Protein backbone atom coordinates (compact mmCIF):
# COMPACT_ATOMS: atom_id res chain seq x y z
CA MET A 1 9.84 1.36 1.75
CA LEU A 2 6.47 0.60 3.34
CA LYS A 3 7.91 0.25 6.85
CA GLY A 4 5.81 2.00 9.46
CA ILE A 5 2.87 2.61 7.09
CA LEU A 6 -0.37 1.16 8.48
CA ALA A 7 -3.96 0.56 7.44
CA ILE A 8 -6.50 0.58 10.26
CA SER A 9 -9.88 -1.04 9.68
CA GLY A 10 -12.74 1.39 10.03
CA GLN A 11 -10.43 4.35 9.32
CA ARG A 12 -10.07 6.04 5.94
CA GLY A 13 -6.63 6.25 4.33
CA LEU A 14 -3.22 5.28 5.64
CA PHE A 15 -1.30 6.08 8.80
CA LYS A 16 2.33 6.49 9.74
CA LEU A 17 3.49 4.92 13.00
CA VAL A 18 4.73 7.75 15.23
CA SER A 19 5.38 6.07 18.60
CA GLN A 20 4.35 3.41 21.10
CA ALA A 21 2.18 4.25 24.08
CA LYS A 22 1.37 2.03 27.06
CA ASN A 23 -1.64 0.21 25.56
CA SER A 24 -1.75 1.68 22.07
CA ILE A 25 0.34 3.10 19.27
CA ILE A 26 0.28 6.71 18.13
CA VAL A 27 -0.37 7.10 14.41
CA GLU A 28 -0.50 10.09 12.08
CA SER A 29 -2.95 10.24 9.18
CA LEU A 30 -1.32 10.62 5.77
CA ILE A 31 -4.49 12.38 4.59
CA ASP A 32 -4.81 15.22 7.09
CA GLY A 33 -1.74 14.88 9.35
CA LYS A 34 -3.82 14.42 12.53
CA ARG A 35 -2.42 12.17 15.23
CA MET A 36 -4.47 9.67 17.19
CA PRO A 37 -4.04 6.55 19.30
CA ALA A 38 -4.72 3.17 17.71
CA TYR A 39 -5.58 0.37 20.12
CA ALA A 40 -4.99 -3.37 19.90
CA THR A 41 -8.75 -3.83 19.47
CA SER A 42 -8.52 -2.15 16.03
CA ARG A 43 -7.48 -4.35 13.14
CA ILE A 44 -4.16 -2.78 12.19
CA SER A 45 -2.26 -4.04 9.14
CA ALA A 46 1.26 -3.05 8.16
CA LEU A 47 1.40 -2.48 4.42
CA GLU A 48 4.69 -4.38 4.20
CA ASP A 49 2.85 -7.53 5.44
CA ILE A 50 0.00 -7.40 2.91
CA SER A 51 -0.02 -9.58 -0.21
CA ILE A 52 -2.37 -9.90 -3.18
CA TYR A 53 -3.70 -13.29 -4.26
CA THR A 54 -2.57 -14.50 -7.68
CA GLU A 55 -3.09 -17.76 -9.53
CA ASP A 56 0.35 -19.08 -8.53
CA GLU A 57 1.82 -17.38 -5.46
CA ASP A 58 0.83 -14.29 -3.50
CA VAL A 59 2.51 -11.05 -4.53
CA LYS A 60 3.69 -8.52 -1.92
CA LEU A 61 1.83 -5.21 -1.97
CA ALA A 62 5.15 -3.39 -2.48
CA ASP A 63 5.62 -5.30 -5.77
CA VAL A 64 2.11 -4.36 -6.89
CA PHE A 65 2.85 -0.71 -6.07
CA LYS A 66 6.11 -0.99 -8.01
CA ALA A 67 4.22 -2.27 -11.07
CA VAL A 68 1.79 0.67 -10.85
CA TYR A 69 4.72 3.06 -10.36
CA GLU A 70 6.41 1.73 -13.51
CA LYS A 71 3.18 1.81 -15.54
CA GLU A 72 2.51 5.42 -14.51
CA ASP A 73 6.16 6.62 -14.62
CA GLY A 74 5.99 7.51 -10.95
CA GLY A 75 2.63 9.27 -11.29
CA MET A 76 -0.80 8.63 -9.82
CA ALA A 77 -2.84 5.51 -10.64
CA ILE A 78 -6.31 5.77 -12.15
CA SER A 79 -9.01 7.00 -9.82
CA PRO A 80 -10.24 4.35 -7.37
CA LYS A 81 -13.70 5.76 -8.15
CA SER A 82 -13.52 4.46 -11.75
CA SER A 83 -16.02 1.80 -12.83
CA GLY A 84 -15.53 -1.78 -11.69
CA ASN A 85 -14.67 -2.93 -15.21
CA GLU A 86 -12.09 -0.15 -15.66
CA LEU A 87 -10.49 -1.03 -12.32
CA LYS A 88 -10.35 -4.75 -13.15
CA GLY A 89 -8.82 -4.01 -16.58
CA TYR A 90 -6.23 -1.68 -15.04
CA PHE A 91 -5.36 -4.19 -12.32
CA GLU A 92 -5.01 -6.94 -14.90
CA GLU A 93 -2.45 -4.78 -16.77
CA ILE A 94 -0.29 -4.40 -13.66
CA LEU A 95 -0.86 -7.88 -12.19
CA PRO A 96 -2.00 -10.18 -15.03
CA LEU A 97 -2.32 -13.31 -12.88
CA TYR A 98 -4.27 -11.78 -9.98
CA ASP A 99 -6.90 -14.18 -8.63
CA LYS A 100 -10.17 -12.81 -10.03
CA ASP A 101 -12.21 -14.96 -7.61
CA ARG A 102 -10.51 -13.77 -4.43
CA VAL A 103 -9.50 -10.17 -5.28
CA TYR A 104 -12.63 -8.03 -5.32
CA VAL A 105 -13.21 -4.60 -6.87
CA SER A 106 -13.25 -3.19 -3.30
CA ASP A 107 -9.72 -4.60 -2.80
CA ILE A 108 -8.53 -3.03 -6.06
CA LYS A 109 -10.01 0.34 -5.01
CA LYS A 110 -8.21 0.12 -1.68
CA VAL A 111 -4.85 -0.78 -3.26
CA LEU A 112 -5.07 2.05 -5.80
CA SER A 113 -6.20 4.60 -3.23
CA TRP A 114 -3.33 3.57 -0.92
CA TYR A 115 -0.88 3.86 -3.81
CA ASN A 116 -2.16 7.35 -4.66
CA ILE A 117 -1.87 8.46 -1.00
CA LEU A 118 1.74 7.23 -0.88
CA ILE A 119 2.59 9.03 -4.15
CA GLU A 120 0.92 12.27 -2.95
CA ASN A 121 3.00 12.12 0.24
CA LYS A 122 6.19 11.16 -1.66
CA LEU A 123 6.49 8.02 0.46
CA PHE A 124 6.93 5.48 -2.33
CA ASP A 125 9.92 5.25 -4.65
CA PRO A 126 10.90 1.71 -5.64
CA ASN A 127 14.26 2.96 -6.94
CA ALA A 128 15.19 4.25 -3.48
CA VAL A 129 14.46 0.77 -2.07
CA GLU A 130 16.79 -0.94 -4.53
CA GLU A 131 19.54 1.51 -3.55
CA GLU A 132 18.88 0.83 0.17
CA GLU A 133 19.07 -2.93 -0.36
CA ALA A 134 22.30 -2.60 -2.33
CA THR A 135 23.78 -0.50 0.48
CA GLU A 136 22.69 -3.04 3.11
CA GLU A 137 24.19 -5.93 1.13
CA SER A 138 27.51 -4.14 0.65
CA GLU A 139 27.66 -3.37 4.40
CA ALA A 140 26.97 -7.00 5.35
């Protein structure tokens, strides 16, 4: 579901992994479709490896996206430009036990903006994932 989707520090938005080069990877922006190399010196994070702190155990970003997806019936989340209090309230609705000391408003903005980019590009559908997993289990 989030395989091959990357966040690169210092770069706006999300990127799709296109291919491997000798000393870099080639990525394509999900915002404007431009391709560029990303080097090992950049901090590159795969969305599937990111988790959000909660009071008990960390929650995978995909599960947070799924909660937003269900809350919004597959639509866009509130604007990441909303006020800090609005963002915190919204995030608390989708992830009630998120760690308020370690998850900052800037993190919430990033998560919601990533979610909106994925929805705009039709790259996130939690129902498709469940079907994929069921298919993989039946094949195994």
